[in-house]
Amino acid sequence: MERRLHTRHRARTTVYVQLPGKRGRLCRARNLSANGVFVETENLGLHQGSVVELAFAINLGAITKLHRRTAVVAHVTRGGTGLRMENYAGR
């Protein structure tokens, strides 16, 4: 049973993941929804529940929008990290 509130879409963007107290890393987004993103990552030392800052661009044809979001690590797998973005409704 699907528990997602918003549909996932394939993503072709790079996400800058800023780790607390560490240098940020560029990661490739595999899919994106209104309140979550799955990024391909190596071992960044992230744990479920960790808070990170994200910055990514979405190309809307003639316009490219830059988004900055706070996210919580929802899960970590060998292939990447699932991030749940916060404060979506307020932006």
N, C-alpha and C. Protein backbone atom coordinates (compact mmCIF):
# COMPACT_ATOMS: atom_id res chain seq x y z
N MET A 1 0.84 -1.19 0.00
CA MET A 1 0.00 0.00 0.00
C MET A 1 0.88 1.25 0.00
N GLU A 2 0.62 2.13 -0.92
CA GLU A 2 1.39 3.37 -1.05
C GLU A 2 0.99 4.34 0.06
N ARG A 3 2.00 4.90 0.76
CA ARG A 3 1.73 5.84 1.85
C ARG A 3 2.07 7.27 1.48
N ARG A 4 2.52 7.51 0.28
CA ARG A 4 2.95 8.84 -0.11
C ARG A 4 1.75 9.77 -0.32
N LEU A 5 1.94 11.02 0.10
CA LEU A 5 0.90 12.03 -0.10
C LEU A 5 1.03 12.68 -1.47
N HIS A 6 2.25 12.69 -2.02
CA HIS A 6 2.50 13.35 -3.29
C HIS A 6 3.22 12.39 -4.24
N THR A 7 2.93 12.49 -5.51
CA THR A 7 3.52 11.64 -6.53
C THR A 7 5.01 11.91 -6.68
N ARG A 8 5.79 10.85 -6.83
CA ARG A 8 7.21 10.99 -7.11
C ARG A 8 7.40 11.19 -8.61
N HIS A 9 8.38 12.00 -8.96
CA HIS A 9 8.72 12.25 -10.35
C HIS A 9 10.20 11.99 -10.54
N ARG A 10 10.57 11.43 -11.69
CA ARG A 10 11.99 11.28 -11.97
C ARG A 10 12.63 12.65 -11.96
N ALA A 11 13.81 12.72 -11.40
CA ALA A 11 14.48 14.01 -11.29
C ALA A 11 15.77 13.99 -12.09
N ARG A 12 16.05 15.08 -12.74
CA ARG A 12 17.31 15.26 -13.45
C ARG A 12 17.94 16.54 -12.93
N THR A 13 18.28 16.51 -11.68
CA THR A 13 18.88 17.69 -11.08
C THR A 13 19.93 17.25 -10.06
N THR A 14 20.78 18.17 -9.74
CA THR A 14 21.79 17.95 -8.72
C THR A 14 21.32 18.65 -7.45
N VAL A 15 21.50 17.98 -6.33
CA VAL A 15 21.09 18.53 -5.04
C VAL A 15 22.34 18.76 -4.21
N TYR A 16 22.47 19.96 -3.68
CA TYR A 16 23.56 20.28 -2.77
C TYR A 16 23.07 19.97 -1.37
N VAL A 17 23.70 19.01 -0.72
CA VAL A 17 23.30 18.58 0.63
C VAL A 17 24.31 19.14 1.61
N GLN A 18 23.86 20.04 2.47
CA GLN A 18 24.72 20.66 3.48
C GLN A 18 24.56 19.90 4.79
N LEU A 19 25.63 19.27 5.21
CA LEU A 19 25.62 18.49 6.44
C LEU A 19 25.94 19.39 7.62
N PRO A 20 25.29 19.17 8.77
CA PRO A 20 25.57 20.01 9.94
C PRO A 20 27.04 19.93 10.35
N GLY A 21 27.71 21.06 10.39
CA GLY A 21 29.09 21.12 10.83
C GLY A 21 30.10 20.54 9.85
N LYS A 22 29.68 20.23 8.62
CA LYS A 22 30.58 19.65 7.63
C LYS A 22 30.41 20.38 6.30
N ARG A 23 31.31 20.07 5.38
CA ARG A 23 31.18 20.61 4.02
C ARG A 23 30.00 20.00 3.33
N GLY A 24 29.37 20.76 2.47
CA GLY A 24 28.26 20.24 1.68
C GLY A 24 28.76 19.33 0.57
N ARG A 25 27.85 18.54 0.04
CA ARG A 25 28.18 17.61 -1.05
C ARG A 25 27.15 17.73 -2.16
N LEU A 26 27.61 17.59 -3.39
CA LEU A 26 26.70 17.55 -4.53
C LEU A 26 26.28 16.10 -4.75
N CYS A 27 24.98 15.88 -4.89
CA CYS A 27 24.42 14.55 -5.09
C CYS A 27 23.41 14.60 -6.23
N ARG A 28 23.25 13.50 -6.90
CA ARG A 28 22.27 13.42 -7.99
C ARG A 28 20.93 12.97 -7.42
N ALA A 29 19.88 13.71 -7.75
CA ALA A 29 18.53 13.33 -7.33
C ALA A 29 18.02 12.25 -8.27
N ARG A 30 17.47 11.19 -7.70
CA ARG A 30 16.89 10.12 -8.51
C ARG A 30 15.40 10.37 -8.72
N ASN A 31 14.70 10.78 -7.65
CA ASN A 31 13.30 11.16 -7.80
C ASN A 31 12.96 12.24 -6.79
N LEU A 32 11.86 12.93 -7.07
CA LEU A 32 11.50 14.11 -6.31
C LEU A 32 9.99 14.19 -6.21
N SER A 33 9.49 14.59 -5.05
CA SER A 33 8.06 14.85 -4.88
C SER A 33 7.93 16.19 -4.18
N ALA A 34 6.70 16.58 -3.88
CA ALA A 34 6.47 17.88 -3.24
C ALA A 34 7.11 17.96 -1.86
N ASN A 35 7.26 16.82 -1.18
CA ASN A 35 7.86 16.90 0.15
C ASN A 35 8.94 15.86 0.40
N GLY A 36 9.59 15.38 -0.66
CA GLY A 36 10.68 14.45 -0.46
C GLY A 36 11.55 14.31 -1.68
N VAL A 37 12.77 13.83 -1.46
CA VAL A 37 13.71 13.60 -2.55
C VAL A 37 14.58 12.41 -2.18
N PHE A 38 14.90 11.59 -3.18
CA PHE A 38 15.84 10.50 -2.99
C PHE A 38 17.09 10.87 -3.76
N VAL A 39 18.22 10.95 -3.06
CA VAL A 39 19.48 11.32 -3.70
C VAL A 39 20.45 10.16 -3.65
N GLU A 40 21.20 10.01 -4.74
CA GLU A 40 22.25 9.01 -4.80
C GLU A 40 23.43 9.54 -3.99
N THR A 41 23.83 8.80 -2.97
CA THR A 41 24.90 9.25 -2.10
C THR A 41 25.88 8.12 -1.84
N GLU A 42 27.08 8.51 -1.52
CA GLU A 42 28.04 7.59 -0.96
C GLU A 42 27.84 7.64 0.54
N ASN A 43 28.72 7.07 1.28
CA ASN A 43 28.59 7.09 2.74
C ASN A 43 28.89 8.50 3.25
N LEU A 44 27.85 9.24 3.55
CA LEU A 44 28.01 10.60 4.06
C LEU A 44 27.97 10.65 5.58
N GLY A 45 27.76 9.50 6.21
CA GLY A 45 27.67 9.45 7.66
C GLY A 45 26.33 9.94 8.19
N LEU A 46 25.32 9.96 7.33
CA LEU A 46 24.00 10.41 7.76
C LEU A 46 23.25 9.27 8.44
N HIS A 47 22.44 9.63 9.41
CA HIS A 47 21.63 8.66 10.13
C HIS A 47 20.18 9.10 10.08
N GLN A 48 19.29 8.15 10.17
CA GLN A 48 17.86 8.46 10.16
C GLN A 48 17.56 9.48 11.25
N GLY A 49 16.83 10.52 10.87
CA GLY A 49 16.48 11.59 11.80
C GLY A 49 17.41 12.79 11.75
N SER A 50 18.56 12.66 11.08
CA SER A 50 19.49 13.79 10.96
C SER A 50 18.85 14.91 10.14
N VAL A 51 19.19 16.14 10.44
CA VAL A 51 18.67 17.30 9.72
C VAL A 51 19.76 17.82 8.79
N VAL A 52 19.39 18.09 7.53
CA VAL A 52 20.31 18.63 6.54
C VAL A 52 19.64 19.80 5.83
N GLU A 53 20.44 20.61 5.17
CA GLU A 53 19.94 21.70 4.34
C GLU A 53 20.14 21.30 2.88
N LEU A 54 19.14 21.57 2.04
CA LEU A 54 19.20 21.23 0.63
C LEU A 54 19.10 22.49 -0.22
N ALA A 55 19.77 22.46 -1.36
CA ALA A 55 19.62 23.50 -2.38
C ALA A 55 19.62 22.80 -3.73
N PHE A 56 18.61 23.09 -4.55
CA PHE A 56 18.52 22.46 -5.87
C PHE A 56 17.73 23.35 -6.81
N ALA A 57 17.99 23.17 -8.10
CA ALA A 57 17.32 23.96 -9.13
C ALA A 57 16.33 23.07 -9.88
N ILE A 58 15.18 23.62 -10.19
CA ILE A 58 14.17 22.94 -10.99
C ILE A 58 13.96 23.76 -12.25
N ASN A 59 14.18 23.14 -13.40
CA ASN A 59 14.01 23.80 -14.68
C ASN A 59 12.55 23.71 -15.11
N LEU A 60 11.92 24.86 -15.31
CA LEU A 60 10.51 24.94 -15.71
C LEU A 60 10.39 25.50 -17.12
N GLY A 61 11.27 25.08 -17.99
CA GLY A 61 11.25 25.60 -19.36
C GLY A 61 12.07 26.87 -19.46
N ALA A 62 11.39 28.00 -19.58
CA ALA A 62 12.08 29.27 -19.71
C ALA A 62 12.57 29.80 -18.36
N ILE A 63 12.11 29.20 -17.29
CA ILE A 63 12.44 29.66 -15.93
C ILE A 63 13.09 28.52 -15.16
N THR A 64 14.12 28.84 -14.42
CA THR A 64 14.74 27.88 -13.50
C THR A 64 14.57 28.43 -12.10
N LYS A 65 13.99 27.62 -11.20
CA LYS A 65 13.77 28.06 -9.83
C LYS A 65 14.77 27.37 -8.91
N LEU A 66 15.36 28.15 -8.01
CA LEU A 66 16.27 27.62 -7.01
C LEU A 66 15.48 27.41 -5.73
N HIS A 67 15.55 26.22 -5.18
CA HIS A 67 14.83 25.88 -3.95
C HIS A 67 15.83 25.59 -2.84
N ARG A 68 15.53 26.08 -1.67
CA ARG A 68 16.31 25.78 -0.47
C ARG A 68 15.33 25.23 0.56
N ARG A 69 15.66 24.07 1.09
CA ARG A 69 14.77 23.41 2.04
C ARG A 69 15.56 22.78 3.16
N THR A 70 14.96 22.67 4.32
CA THR A 70 15.47 21.86 5.41
C THR A 70 14.85 20.49 5.25
N ALA A 71 15.64 19.45 5.46
CA ALA A 71 15.12 18.09 5.28
C ALA A 71 15.61 17.20 6.42
N VAL A 72 14.85 16.15 6.66
CA VAL A 72 15.18 15.14 7.66
C VAL A 72 15.47 13.84 6.92
N VAL A 73 16.51 13.15 7.32
CA VAL A 73 16.86 11.87 6.70
C VAL A 73 15.79 10.85 7.10
N ALA A 74 15.06 10.35 6.09
CA ALA A 74 14.00 9.37 6.33
C ALA A 74 14.56 7.96 6.33
N HIS A 75 15.50 7.68 5.41
CA HIS A 75 16.14 6.36 5.37
C HIS A 75 17.44 6.44 4.59
N VAL A 76 18.35 5.53 4.90
CA VAL A 76 19.63 5.44 4.22
C VAL A 76 19.78 4.02 3.71
N THR A 77 20.10 3.88 2.41
CA THR A 77 20.34 2.57 1.82
C THR A 77 21.70 2.59 1.14
N ARG A 78 22.10 1.47 0.58
CA ARG A 78 23.37 1.45 -0.16
C ARG A 78 23.34 2.38 -1.36
N GLY A 79 22.17 2.50 -2.00
CA GLY A 79 22.05 3.30 -3.21
C GLY A 79 21.87 4.78 -2.97
N GLY A 80 21.48 5.17 -1.78
CA GLY A 80 21.25 6.59 -1.55
C GLY A 80 20.55 6.89 -0.25
N THR A 81 20.00 8.09 -0.20
CA THR A 81 19.37 8.60 1.01
C THR A 81 18.03 9.22 0.67
N GLY A 82 16.99 8.84 1.40
CA GLY A 82 15.67 9.44 1.27
C GLY A 82 15.55 10.59 2.25
N LEU A 83 15.17 11.76 1.74
CA LEU A 83 15.07 12.97 2.56
C LEU A 83 13.65 13.50 2.52
N ARG A 84 13.09 13.78 3.68
CA ARG A 84 11.74 14.36 3.80
C ARG A 84 11.91 15.86 4.04
N MET A 85 11.43 16.67 3.10
CA MET A 85 11.58 18.12 3.21
C MET A 85 10.53 18.67 4.17
N GLU A 86 10.94 19.68 4.91
CA GLU A 86 10.05 20.29 5.89
C GLU A 86 9.60 21.67 5.41
N ASN A 87 8.55 22.16 6.03
CA ASN A 87 8.04 23.51 5.79
C ASN A 87 7.65 23.75 4.34
N TYR A 88 7.21 22.73 3.65
CA TYR A 88 6.82 22.90 2.25
C TYR A 88 5.63 23.83 2.11
N ALA A 89 4.61 23.65 2.94
CA ALA A 89 3.36 24.41 2.82
C ALA A 89 3.57 25.91 3.06
N GLY A 90 4.56 26.26 3.84
CA GLY A 90 4.78 27.67 4.17
C GLY A 90 5.56 28.43 3.13
N ARG A 91 5.97 27.77 2.05
CA ARG A 91 6.80 28.45 1.05
C ARG A 91 6.09 28.62 -0.24
